[in-house]
N, C-alpha and C. Protein backbone atom coordinates (compact mmCIF):
# COMPACT_ATOMS: atom_id res chain seq x y z
N MET A 1 0.80 -1.20 0.00
CA MET A 1 0.00 0.00 0.00
C MET A 1 0.84 1.26 0.00
N SER A 2 1.94 1.22 0.68
CA SER A 2 2.74 2.43 0.76
C SER A 2 3.35 2.81 -0.59
N ASP A 3 3.64 1.83 -1.42
CA ASP A 3 4.16 2.13 -2.77
C ASP A 3 3.10 2.82 -3.63
N ALA A 4 1.86 2.42 -3.52
CA ALA A 4 0.77 3.05 -4.30
C ALA A 4 0.56 4.48 -3.85
N LYS A 5 0.67 4.73 -2.55
CA LYS A 5 0.52 6.09 -2.03
C LYS A 5 1.68 6.97 -2.49
N ALA A 6 2.86 6.42 -2.58
CA ALA A 6 4.03 7.20 -2.99
C ALA A 6 3.99 7.55 -4.47
N THR A 7 3.42 6.69 -5.29
CA THR A 7 3.39 6.97 -6.74
C THR A 7 2.36 8.03 -7.10
N LYS A 8 1.30 8.19 -6.30
CA LYS A 8 0.31 9.23 -6.61
C LYS A 8 0.91 10.63 -6.53
N PRO A 9 1.62 10.99 -5.47
CA PRO A 9 2.25 12.33 -5.46
C PRO A 9 3.28 12.49 -6.58
N MET A 10 4.01 11.42 -6.91
CA MET A 10 4.99 11.49 -8.00
C MET A 10 4.28 11.76 -9.33
N ALA A 11 3.17 11.09 -9.55
CA ALA A 11 2.42 11.28 -10.79
C ALA A 11 1.87 12.70 -10.86
N ARG A 12 1.40 13.21 -9.72
CA ARG A 12 0.90 14.59 -9.70
C ARG A 12 2.01 15.59 -9.99
N ARG A 13 3.18 15.36 -9.41
CA ARG A 13 4.31 16.26 -9.67
C ARG A 13 4.73 16.20 -11.13
N GLN A 14 4.72 15.04 -11.72
CA GLN A 14 5.08 14.92 -13.14
C GLN A 14 4.07 15.66 -14.02
N TRP A 15 2.78 15.50 -13.70
CA TRP A 15 1.76 16.23 -14.45
C TRP A 15 1.91 17.73 -14.25
N GLY A 16 2.20 18.14 -13.03
CA GLY A 16 2.40 19.55 -12.74
C GLY A 16 3.57 20.13 -13.55
N ARG A 17 4.68 19.38 -13.60
CA ARG A 17 5.84 19.81 -14.39
C ARG A 17 5.50 19.87 -15.88
N LEU A 18 4.78 18.88 -16.35
CA LEU A 18 4.40 18.84 -17.77
C LEU A 18 3.52 20.05 -18.13
N ILE A 19 2.55 20.34 -17.28
CA ILE A 19 1.67 21.50 -17.51
C ILE A 19 2.47 22.79 -17.44
N TYR A 20 3.39 22.88 -16.48
CA TYR A 20 4.23 24.08 -16.37
C TYR A 20 5.07 24.27 -17.63
N ARG A 21 5.73 23.22 -18.10
CA ARG A 21 6.55 23.32 -19.32
C ARG A 21 5.71 23.68 -20.54
N TRP A 22 4.57 23.06 -20.67
CA TRP A 22 3.69 23.35 -21.81
C TRP A 22 3.23 24.81 -21.77
N THR A 23 2.82 25.30 -20.60
CA THR A 23 2.38 26.69 -20.45
C THR A 23 3.52 27.65 -20.75
N ARG A 24 4.70 27.38 -20.22
CA ARG A 24 5.87 28.23 -20.46
C ARG A 24 6.22 28.28 -21.95
N SER A 25 6.21 27.14 -22.62
CA SER A 25 6.52 27.09 -24.05
C SER A 25 5.46 27.82 -24.88
N THR A 26 4.20 27.64 -24.52
CA THR A 26 3.11 28.31 -25.24
C THR A 26 3.22 29.82 -25.09
N LEU A 27 3.45 30.30 -23.88
CA LEU A 27 3.58 31.75 -23.67
C LEU A 27 4.81 32.31 -24.38
N ALA A 28 5.91 31.58 -24.40
CA ALA A 28 7.11 32.02 -25.12
C ALA A 28 6.83 32.11 -26.62
N LEU A 29 6.12 31.14 -27.17
CA LEU A 29 5.77 31.16 -28.59
C LEU A 29 4.85 32.34 -28.91
N ILE A 30 3.86 32.58 -28.06
CA ILE A 30 2.95 33.72 -28.26
C ILE A 30 3.74 35.02 -28.22
N GLY A 31 4.65 35.15 -27.27
CA GLY A 31 5.49 36.35 -27.18
C GLY A 31 6.34 36.54 -28.42
N LEU A 32 6.95 35.47 -28.91
CA LEU A 32 7.76 35.55 -30.12
C LEU A 32 6.92 35.95 -31.33
N LEU A 33 5.74 35.37 -31.45
CA LEU A 33 4.86 35.72 -32.57
C LEU A 33 4.42 37.18 -32.51
N MET A 34 4.19 37.69 -31.30
CA MET A 34 3.81 39.10 -31.16
C MET A 34 4.96 40.03 -31.56
N ILE A 35 6.18 39.67 -31.20
CA ILE A 35 7.35 40.47 -31.60
C ILE A 35 7.49 40.47 -33.11
N VAL A 36 7.37 39.30 -33.73
CA VAL A 36 7.47 39.20 -35.19
C VAL A 36 6.37 40.01 -35.86
N TYR A 37 5.14 39.92 -35.37
CA TYR A 37 4.03 40.68 -35.96
C TYR A 37 4.29 42.18 -35.86
N HIS A 38 4.63 42.67 -34.69
CA HIS A 38 4.81 44.12 -34.50
C HIS A 38 6.03 44.65 -35.24
N ALA A 39 7.06 43.82 -35.43
CA ALA A 39 8.25 44.27 -36.15
C ALA A 39 8.05 44.22 -37.66
N GLY A 40 7.27 43.27 -38.14
CA GLY A 40 7.22 43.06 -39.58
C GLY A 40 5.88 43.22 -40.25
N PHE A 41 4.80 43.41 -39.50
CA PHE A 41 3.48 43.43 -40.11
C PHE A 41 2.59 44.50 -39.49
N GLY A 42 1.50 44.79 -40.15
CA GLY A 42 0.49 45.69 -39.63
C GLY A 42 -0.87 45.32 -40.21
N LEU A 43 -1.91 45.42 -39.43
CA LEU A 43 -3.26 45.11 -39.88
C LEU A 43 -4.10 46.38 -39.80
N SER A 44 -4.77 46.72 -40.88
CA SER A 44 -5.59 47.93 -40.88
C SER A 44 -6.85 47.71 -41.71
N GLN A 45 -7.86 48.50 -41.39
CA GLN A 45 -9.12 48.42 -42.12
C GLN A 45 -9.24 49.61 -43.06
N ILE A 46 -9.72 49.34 -44.26
CA ILE A 46 -9.91 50.38 -45.26
C ILE A 46 -11.22 51.10 -44.96
N THR A 47 -11.16 52.42 -44.76
CA THR A 47 -12.35 53.19 -44.42
C THR A 47 -12.66 54.26 -45.46
N SER A 48 -12.06 54.12 -46.65
CA SER A 48 -12.26 55.10 -47.71
C SER A 48 -12.39 54.36 -49.04
N PRO A 49 -13.20 54.89 -49.95
CA PRO A 49 -13.33 54.25 -51.27
C PRO A 49 -12.21 54.64 -52.25
N SER A 50 -11.17 55.32 -51.78
CA SER A 50 -10.15 55.86 -52.68
C SER A 50 -9.31 54.82 -53.41
N MET A 51 -9.31 53.57 -52.97
CA MET A 51 -8.53 52.53 -53.65
C MET A 51 -9.41 51.48 -54.33
N GLN A 52 -10.68 51.79 -54.55
CA GLN A 52 -11.55 50.84 -55.24
C GLN A 52 -11.20 50.79 -56.71
N PRO A 53 -11.22 49.68 -57.35
CA PRO A 53 -11.76 48.38 -56.94
C PRO A 53 -10.76 47.48 -56.22
N THR A 54 -9.48 47.86 -56.14
CA THR A 54 -8.47 47.00 -55.52
C THR A 54 -8.78 46.73 -54.06
N LEU A 55 -9.02 47.79 -53.29
CA LEU A 55 -9.37 47.68 -51.88
C LEU A 55 -10.71 48.36 -51.65
N GLN A 56 -11.62 47.67 -51.02
CA GLN A 56 -12.97 48.19 -50.79
C GLN A 56 -13.05 48.81 -49.40
N GLY A 57 -13.70 49.97 -49.33
CA GLY A 57 -13.87 50.60 -48.03
C GLY A 57 -14.91 51.70 -48.08
N ASP A 58 -15.47 52.03 -46.93
CA ASP A 58 -16.39 53.15 -46.81
C ASP A 58 -16.37 53.64 -45.36
N GLU A 59 -17.04 54.73 -45.10
CA GLU A 59 -17.02 55.33 -43.77
C GLU A 59 -17.76 54.50 -42.72
N SER A 60 -18.55 53.51 -43.12
CA SER A 60 -19.34 52.74 -42.17
C SER A 60 -18.54 51.60 -41.53
N MET A 61 -17.22 51.59 -41.72
CA MET A 61 -16.34 50.58 -41.11
C MET A 61 -16.63 49.17 -41.60
N ASN A 62 -17.05 49.03 -42.85
CA ASN A 62 -17.28 47.71 -43.43
C ASN A 62 -16.24 47.35 -44.48
N GLY A 63 -15.11 48.05 -44.47
CA GLY A 63 -14.11 47.86 -45.51
C GLY A 63 -13.23 46.64 -45.31
N ASP A 64 -12.37 46.42 -46.30
CA ASP A 64 -11.41 45.31 -46.26
C ASP A 64 -10.45 45.47 -45.09
N TRP A 65 -10.06 44.34 -44.52
CA TRP A 65 -8.98 44.28 -43.54
C TRP A 65 -7.75 43.85 -44.30
N VAL A 66 -6.70 44.67 -44.26
CA VAL A 66 -5.50 44.42 -45.07
C VAL A 66 -4.30 44.23 -44.16
N LEU A 67 -3.57 43.13 -44.40
CA LEU A 67 -2.32 42.87 -43.71
C LEU A 67 -1.19 43.42 -44.57
N SER A 68 -0.42 44.34 -44.02
CA SER A 68 0.73 44.87 -44.76
C SER A 68 2.00 44.37 -44.10
N GLU A 69 3.04 44.22 -44.92
CA GLU A 69 4.31 43.73 -44.39
C GLU A 69 5.39 44.79 -44.59
N ARG A 70 6.31 44.87 -43.63
CA ARG A 70 7.37 45.88 -43.65
C ARG A 70 8.72 45.30 -44.06
N VAL A 71 8.85 43.99 -44.02
CA VAL A 71 10.14 43.34 -44.18
C VAL A 71 10.76 43.62 -45.56
N SER A 72 9.99 43.57 -46.63
CA SER A 72 10.57 43.75 -47.96
C SER A 72 11.20 45.13 -48.11
N PHE A 73 10.68 46.15 -47.43
CA PHE A 73 11.25 47.50 -47.53
C PHE A 73 12.56 47.64 -46.75
N TRP A 74 12.90 46.66 -45.94
CA TRP A 74 14.21 46.66 -45.29
C TRP A 74 15.31 46.37 -46.31
N PHE A 75 14.93 45.68 -47.41
CA PHE A 75 15.91 45.21 -48.39
C PHE A 75 15.79 45.88 -49.76
N ARG A 76 14.66 46.50 -50.02
CA ARG A 76 14.46 47.11 -51.33
C ARG A 76 13.49 48.28 -51.23
N GLN A 77 13.46 49.09 -52.30
CA GLN A 77 12.52 50.21 -52.39
C GLN A 77 11.18 49.69 -52.91
N PRO A 78 10.10 50.43 -52.65
CA PRO A 78 8.82 50.06 -53.26
C PRO A 78 8.94 50.08 -54.78
N ARG A 79 8.17 49.25 -55.44
CA ARG A 79 8.20 49.17 -56.90
C ARG A 79 6.97 49.86 -57.48
N ARG A 80 7.13 50.31 -58.71
CA ARG A 80 6.01 50.93 -59.41
C ARG A 80 4.85 49.94 -59.48
N TRP A 81 3.65 50.41 -59.28
CA TRP A 81 2.36 49.72 -59.32
C TRP A 81 2.03 48.97 -58.03
N GLU A 82 2.95 48.90 -57.06
CA GLU A 82 2.63 48.25 -55.79
C GLU A 82 1.70 49.15 -54.97
N VAL A 83 0.84 48.52 -54.18
CA VAL A 83 0.01 49.25 -53.23
C VAL A 83 0.78 49.26 -51.92
N ILE A 84 0.96 50.47 -51.36
CA ILE A 84 1.73 50.60 -50.13
C ILE A 84 0.90 51.31 -49.06
N ALA A 85 1.26 51.06 -47.81
CA ALA A 85 0.67 51.76 -46.67
C ALA A 85 1.61 52.90 -46.31
N LEU A 86 1.04 54.10 -46.10
CA LEU A 86 1.85 55.26 -45.75
C LEU A 86 1.07 56.21 -44.89
N ILE A 87 1.78 57.15 -44.29
CA ILE A 87 1.17 58.15 -43.40
C ILE A 87 1.03 59.45 -44.18
N ASP A 88 -0.20 60.00 -44.23
CA ASP A 88 -0.39 61.28 -44.92
C ASP A 88 -0.02 62.44 -44.00
N LYS A 89 -0.16 63.66 -44.49
CA LYS A 89 0.26 64.83 -43.71
C LYS A 89 -0.57 65.03 -42.45
N GLU A 90 -1.76 64.45 -42.39
CA GLU A 90 -2.59 64.54 -41.19
C GLU A 90 -2.27 63.44 -40.18
N GLY A 91 -1.35 62.54 -40.52
CA GLY A 91 -0.98 61.46 -39.62
C GLY A 91 -1.85 60.23 -39.74
N THR A 92 -2.65 60.14 -40.80
CA THR A 92 -3.55 59.02 -41.01
C THR A 92 -2.87 57.96 -41.88
N LEU A 93 -3.03 56.69 -41.51
CA LEU A 93 -2.51 55.60 -42.33
C LEU A 93 -3.43 55.43 -43.54
N VAL A 94 -2.87 55.51 -44.75
CA VAL A 94 -3.63 55.35 -45.99
C VAL A 94 -2.90 54.35 -46.88
N MET A 95 -3.60 53.83 -47.87
CA MET A 95 -2.98 52.94 -48.84
C MET A 95 -3.18 53.52 -50.23
N LYS A 96 -2.10 53.57 -50.99
CA LYS A 96 -2.10 54.13 -52.34
C LYS A 96 -1.19 53.30 -53.23
N ARG A 97 -1.28 53.53 -54.54
CA ARG A 97 -0.46 52.81 -55.52
C ARG A 97 0.74 53.66 -55.93
N VAL A 98 1.92 53.07 -55.94
CA VAL A 98 3.15 53.77 -56.33
C VAL A 98 3.15 53.97 -57.85
N ILE A 99 3.31 55.23 -58.27
CA ILE A 99 3.38 55.56 -59.69
C ILE A 99 4.79 56.04 -60.05
N GLY A 100 5.30 57.02 -59.30
CA GLY A 100 6.62 57.58 -59.57
C GLY A 100 7.62 57.25 -58.49
N LEU A 101 8.85 56.96 -58.90
CA LEU A 101 9.92 56.59 -57.98
C LEU A 101 10.88 57.76 -57.79
N PRO A 102 11.73 57.73 -56.74
CA PRO A 102 12.66 58.83 -56.52
C PRO A 102 13.50 59.13 -57.76
N GLY A 103 13.64 60.43 -58.04
CA GLY A 103 14.43 60.87 -59.19
C GLY A 103 13.65 60.99 -60.48
N GLU A 104 12.41 60.54 -60.50
CA GLU A 104 11.60 60.59 -61.73
C GLU A 104 10.71 61.83 -61.73
N ARG A 105 10.13 62.10 -62.90
CA ARG A 105 9.14 63.16 -63.06
C ARG A 105 7.86 62.50 -63.58
N VAL A 106 6.72 62.88 -63.00
CA VAL A 106 5.44 62.26 -63.34
C VAL A 106 4.54 63.29 -64.02
N SER A 107 3.87 62.87 -65.08
CA SER A 107 2.84 63.70 -65.72
C SER A 107 1.72 62.77 -66.18
N LEU A 108 0.58 63.38 -66.45
CA LEU A 108 -0.59 62.63 -66.88
C LEU A 108 -1.18 63.35 -68.07
N VAL A 109 -1.08 62.74 -69.24
CA VAL A 109 -1.61 63.32 -70.48
C VAL A 109 -2.81 62.47 -70.88
N GLY A 110 -4.00 63.06 -70.78
CA GLY A 110 -5.22 62.27 -70.94
C GLY A 110 -5.31 61.34 -69.74
N ASP A 111 -5.33 60.03 -70.00
CA ASP A 111 -5.22 59.09 -68.88
C ASP A 111 -3.94 58.26 -69.01
N GLN A 112 -3.00 58.75 -69.82
CA GLN A 112 -1.72 58.09 -70.01
C GLN A 112 -0.68 58.64 -69.03
N ILE A 113 -0.16 57.77 -68.18
CA ILE A 113 0.87 58.17 -67.23
C ILE A 113 2.21 58.23 -67.96
N ARG A 114 2.93 59.32 -67.73
CA ARG A 114 4.26 59.49 -68.32
C ARG A 114 5.27 59.65 -67.19
N ILE A 115 6.37 58.95 -67.34
CA ILE A 115 7.46 59.03 -66.38
C ILE A 115 8.66 59.63 -67.10
N SER A 116 9.09 60.79 -66.62
CA SER A 116 10.20 61.54 -67.22
C SER A 116 9.99 61.71 -68.72
N GLY A 117 8.76 62.00 -69.12
CA GLY A 117 8.41 62.27 -70.51
C GLY A 117 8.04 61.06 -71.34
N GLN A 118 8.29 59.86 -70.84
CA GLN A 118 8.02 58.63 -71.59
C GLN A 118 6.74 57.97 -71.10
N ALA A 119 5.86 57.62 -72.04
CA ALA A 119 4.63 56.91 -71.68
C ALA A 119 5.00 55.52 -71.15
N ILE A 120 4.33 55.12 -70.06
CA ILE A 120 4.58 53.78 -69.52
C ILE A 120 3.31 52.95 -69.62
N GLU A 121 3.52 51.69 -69.82
CA GLU A 121 2.38 50.78 -69.96
C GLU A 121 1.99 50.23 -68.59
N ARG A 122 0.70 50.21 -68.34
CA ARG A 122 0.18 49.66 -67.08
C ARG A 122 0.08 48.15 -67.19
N PRO A 123 0.16 47.48 -66.05
CA PRO A 123 -0.13 46.05 -66.05
C PRO A 123 -1.58 45.82 -66.49
N ALA A 124 -1.85 44.69 -67.09
CA ALA A 124 -3.19 44.37 -67.61
C ALA A 124 -4.25 44.48 -66.51
N SER A 125 -3.90 44.14 -65.27
CA SER A 125 -4.89 44.19 -64.18
C SER A 125 -5.31 45.61 -63.84
N LEU A 126 -4.55 46.61 -64.28
CA LEU A 126 -4.87 48.01 -64.00
C LEU A 126 -5.36 48.77 -65.22
N ALA A 127 -5.60 48.07 -66.32
CA ALA A 127 -5.98 48.73 -67.57
C ALA A 127 -7.29 49.51 -67.45
N GLY A 128 -8.21 49.09 -66.62
CA GLY A 128 -9.51 49.75 -66.50
C GLY A 128 -9.52 50.95 -65.58
N ILE A 129 -8.43 51.24 -64.92
CA ILE A 129 -8.38 52.36 -63.97
C ILE A 129 -8.11 53.65 -64.73
N LYS A 130 -8.92 54.67 -64.48
CA LYS A 130 -8.77 55.98 -65.12
C LYS A 130 -8.27 56.98 -64.09
N TYR A 131 -7.06 57.47 -64.29
CA TYR A 131 -6.52 58.50 -63.40
C TYR A 131 -6.87 59.87 -63.97
N LEU A 132 -7.27 60.78 -63.11
CA LEU A 132 -7.69 62.12 -63.52
C LEU A 132 -6.55 63.11 -63.34
N ALA A 133 -6.35 63.97 -64.34
CA ALA A 133 -5.30 65.00 -64.29
C ALA A 133 -5.83 66.21 -63.53
N ILE A 134 -5.81 66.13 -62.21
CA ILE A 134 -6.23 67.24 -61.35
C ILE A 134 -5.11 67.52 -60.35
N GLY A 135 -5.28 68.55 -59.55
CA GLY A 135 -4.25 68.90 -58.57
C GLY A 135 -2.98 69.35 -59.28
N ASN A 136 -1.84 68.84 -58.84
CA ASN A 136 -0.58 69.27 -59.44
C ASN A 136 -0.31 68.64 -60.81
N LEU A 137 -1.19 67.76 -61.30
CA LEU A 137 -1.05 67.19 -62.64
C LEU A 137 -1.96 67.87 -63.67
N PHE A 138 -2.67 68.91 -63.23
CA PHE A 138 -3.61 69.62 -64.11
C PHE A 138 -2.88 70.22 -65.30
N HIS A 139 -3.51 70.23 -66.46
CA HIS A 139 -2.96 70.79 -67.71
C HIS A 139 -1.62 70.18 -68.08
N ASP A 140 -1.49 68.87 -67.99
CA ASP A 140 -0.29 68.13 -68.41
C ASP A 140 0.99 68.57 -67.69
N ARG A 141 0.86 69.13 -66.49
CA ARG A 141 2.05 69.52 -65.72
C ARG A 141 2.87 68.29 -65.37
N GLU A 142 4.16 68.53 -65.19
CA GLU A 142 5.08 67.47 -64.80
C GLU A 142 5.56 67.75 -63.38
N VAL A 143 5.52 66.74 -62.51
CA VAL A 143 5.89 66.90 -61.11
C VAL A 143 7.13 66.05 -60.83
N SER A 144 8.13 66.66 -60.20
CA SER A 144 9.34 65.93 -59.84
C SER A 144 9.10 65.17 -58.53
N CYS A 145 9.53 63.91 -58.52
CA CYS A 145 9.40 63.11 -57.30
C CYS A 145 10.47 63.46 -56.27
N GLY A 146 11.57 64.06 -56.73
CA GLY A 146 12.66 64.35 -55.80
C GLY A 146 13.14 63.07 -55.15
N ASP A 147 13.18 63.04 -53.82
CA ASP A 147 13.58 61.83 -53.08
C ASP A 147 12.37 61.00 -52.65
N GLY A 148 11.17 61.38 -53.09
CA GLY A 148 9.96 60.72 -52.63
C GLY A 148 9.32 59.82 -53.67
N PHE A 149 8.13 59.35 -53.31
CA PHE A 149 7.35 58.45 -54.16
C PHE A 149 6.03 59.14 -54.51
N TYR A 150 5.68 59.13 -55.79
CA TYR A 150 4.42 59.72 -56.23
C TYR A 150 3.39 58.60 -56.22
N VAL A 151 2.31 58.79 -55.46
CA VAL A 151 1.30 57.74 -55.29
C VAL A 151 -0.07 58.27 -55.71
N LEU A 152 -0.90 57.37 -56.23
CA LEU A 152 -2.26 57.70 -56.62
C LEU A 152 -3.22 56.65 -56.08
N GLY A 153 -4.45 57.07 -55.80
CA GLY A 153 -5.51 56.13 -55.44
C GLY A 153 -6.16 55.59 -56.71
N ASP A 154 -6.60 54.35 -56.68
CA ASP A 154 -7.21 53.75 -57.87
C ASP A 154 -8.53 54.40 -58.24
N ASP A 155 -9.29 54.89 -57.26
CA ASP A 155 -10.52 55.63 -57.54
C ASP A 155 -10.13 57.11 -57.58
N SER A 156 -9.60 57.51 -58.70
CA SER A 156 -8.93 58.80 -58.86
C SER A 156 -9.79 60.01 -58.49
N LYS A 157 -11.09 59.93 -58.74
CA LYS A 157 -11.96 61.08 -58.46
C LYS A 157 -12.20 61.25 -56.96
N ASP A 158 -11.91 60.22 -56.16
CA ASP A 158 -12.19 60.27 -54.73
C ASP A 158 -10.94 59.96 -53.91
N SER A 159 -9.77 60.41 -54.38
CA SER A 159 -8.54 60.07 -53.68
C SER A 159 -7.72 61.31 -53.39
N TYR A 160 -7.38 61.49 -52.14
CA TYR A 160 -6.48 62.57 -51.72
C TYR A 160 -5.08 61.96 -51.69
N ASP A 161 -4.28 62.23 -52.72
CA ASP A 161 -3.02 61.54 -52.91
C ASP A 161 -1.92 62.54 -53.28
N SER A 162 -0.91 62.10 -54.01
CA SER A 162 0.22 62.96 -54.37
C SER A 162 -0.17 64.13 -55.26
N ARG A 163 -1.32 64.06 -55.88
CA ARG A 163 -1.77 65.19 -56.70
C ARG A 163 -2.04 66.41 -55.83
N TYR A 164 -2.28 66.19 -54.55
CA TYR A 164 -2.56 67.28 -53.62
C TYR A 164 -1.44 67.45 -52.59
N GLU A 165 -0.84 66.35 -52.14
CA GLU A 165 0.19 66.41 -51.11
C GLU A 165 1.60 66.42 -51.67
N GLY A 166 1.77 66.11 -52.94
CA GLY A 166 3.10 65.97 -53.51
C GLY A 166 3.66 64.59 -53.20
N PRO A 167 4.89 64.33 -53.64
CA PRO A 167 5.50 63.02 -53.38
C PRO A 167 5.65 62.75 -51.88
N PHE A 168 5.56 61.48 -51.51
CA PHE A 168 5.69 61.06 -50.11
C PHE A 168 7.13 60.64 -49.85
N GLU A 169 7.71 61.20 -48.80
CA GLU A 169 9.07 60.86 -48.42
C GLU A 169 9.13 59.41 -47.93
N ARG A 170 10.32 58.84 -48.01
CA ARG A 170 10.53 57.44 -47.63
C ARG A 170 10.11 57.17 -46.18
N TRP A 171 10.37 58.11 -45.26
CA TRP A 171 10.06 57.87 -43.85
C TRP A 171 8.57 57.75 -43.59
N ARG A 172 7.72 58.19 -44.53
CA ARG A 172 6.28 58.10 -44.34
C ARG A 172 5.71 56.75 -44.76
N LEU A 173 6.52 55.91 -45.41
CA LEU A 173 6.07 54.60 -45.85
C LEU A 173 6.03 53.64 -44.66
N ARG A 174 4.96 52.86 -44.55
CA ARG A 174 4.79 51.95 -43.42
C ARG A 174 4.77 50.48 -43.82
N GLY A 175 4.74 50.19 -45.10
CA GLY A 175 4.75 48.79 -45.52
C GLY A 175 4.09 48.60 -46.85
N ARG A 176 4.14 47.37 -47.31
CA ARG A 176 3.54 47.00 -48.59
C ARG A 176 2.25 46.25 -48.30
N ALA A 177 1.14 46.73 -48.89
CA ALA A 177 -0.13 46.01 -48.71
C ALA A 177 0.07 44.61 -49.27
N TRP A 178 -0.24 43.62 -48.47
CA TRP A 178 0.15 42.27 -48.82
C TRP A 178 -1.04 41.35 -49.04
N LEU A 179 -1.98 41.32 -48.08
CA LEU A 179 -3.03 40.32 -48.11
C LEU A 179 -4.33 40.90 -47.57
N ILE A 180 -5.42 40.70 -48.30
CA ILE A 180 -6.75 41.04 -47.78
C ILE A 180 -7.19 39.84 -46.95
N VAL A 181 -7.36 40.04 -45.64
CA VAL A 181 -7.72 38.93 -44.76
C VAL A 181 -9.21 38.87 -44.45
N GLY A 182 -9.95 39.88 -44.81
CA GLY A 182 -11.39 39.87 -44.58
C GLY A 182 -12.03 41.05 -45.26
N PRO A 183 -13.31 41.03 -45.47
CA PRO A 183 -14.26 39.96 -45.17
C PRO A 183 -14.02 38.72 -46.03
N GLY A 184 -14.67 37.63 -45.64
CA GLY A 184 -14.41 36.32 -46.22
C GLY A 184 -14.40 36.24 -47.73
N GLY A 185 -15.34 36.86 -48.40
CA GLY A 185 -15.42 36.77 -49.85
C GLY A 185 -14.37 37.57 -50.59
N ARG A 186 -13.58 38.38 -49.87
CA ARG A 186 -12.59 39.27 -50.49
C ARG A 186 -11.15 38.81 -50.23
N ARG A 187 -10.96 37.71 -49.58
CA ARG A 187 -9.59 37.28 -49.24
C ARG A 187 -8.76 37.08 -50.50
N GLY A 188 -7.50 37.54 -50.42
CA GLY A 188 -6.60 37.35 -51.55
C GLY A 188 -5.42 38.31 -51.48
N TRP A 189 -4.48 38.15 -52.41
CA TRP A 189 -3.28 38.97 -52.46
C TRP A 189 -3.61 40.34 -53.01
N VAL A 190 -2.99 41.38 -52.47
CA VAL A 190 -3.20 42.75 -52.95
C VAL A 190 -2.29 43.02 -54.15
N ASN A 191 -1.02 42.64 -54.06
CA ASN A 191 -0.04 42.84 -55.13
C ASN A 191 0.34 41.48 -55.70
N PRO A 192 -0.44 40.97 -56.65
CA PRO A 192 -0.14 39.63 -57.15
C PRO A 192 1.18 39.58 -57.90
């Protein structure tokens, strides 16, 4: 009988150690995942129609939830036609499409985008988007990007972008829009 009584406390201690190790490992993993998320990613909801049809949003908080990643910008500059997350002059996080890169000049003749005087061809997925020559692009004006990025919203008539604020400096960029995570029917890659 004494052996049976001795094994019960031993079994309890073993279970206690097992639960302690499992809890400690789980909390360490959660902590590591939180560090990775905060260092390399950001999740935001689209609350404006300025990037439609690529990203859906409205003032009623029913817009797309977009996961953006910061890691690629540690190794390279944003590329033309990518959708990026950036901070506007009011301090609001917005998402826009990169049109002009540092050192280039941007103009809009009709709905044809010109970079440093040369017409550029859009990807087939963006062929239906009509950009309007308003703001600093009015009357075929050419705007220098300087050290910044010239960005436009896909819904050109309803987008407060570089046509009004000018090129966005590198420090205002917060990441590359990567994945639409919700709502369910809209899940998919932003920059295929």
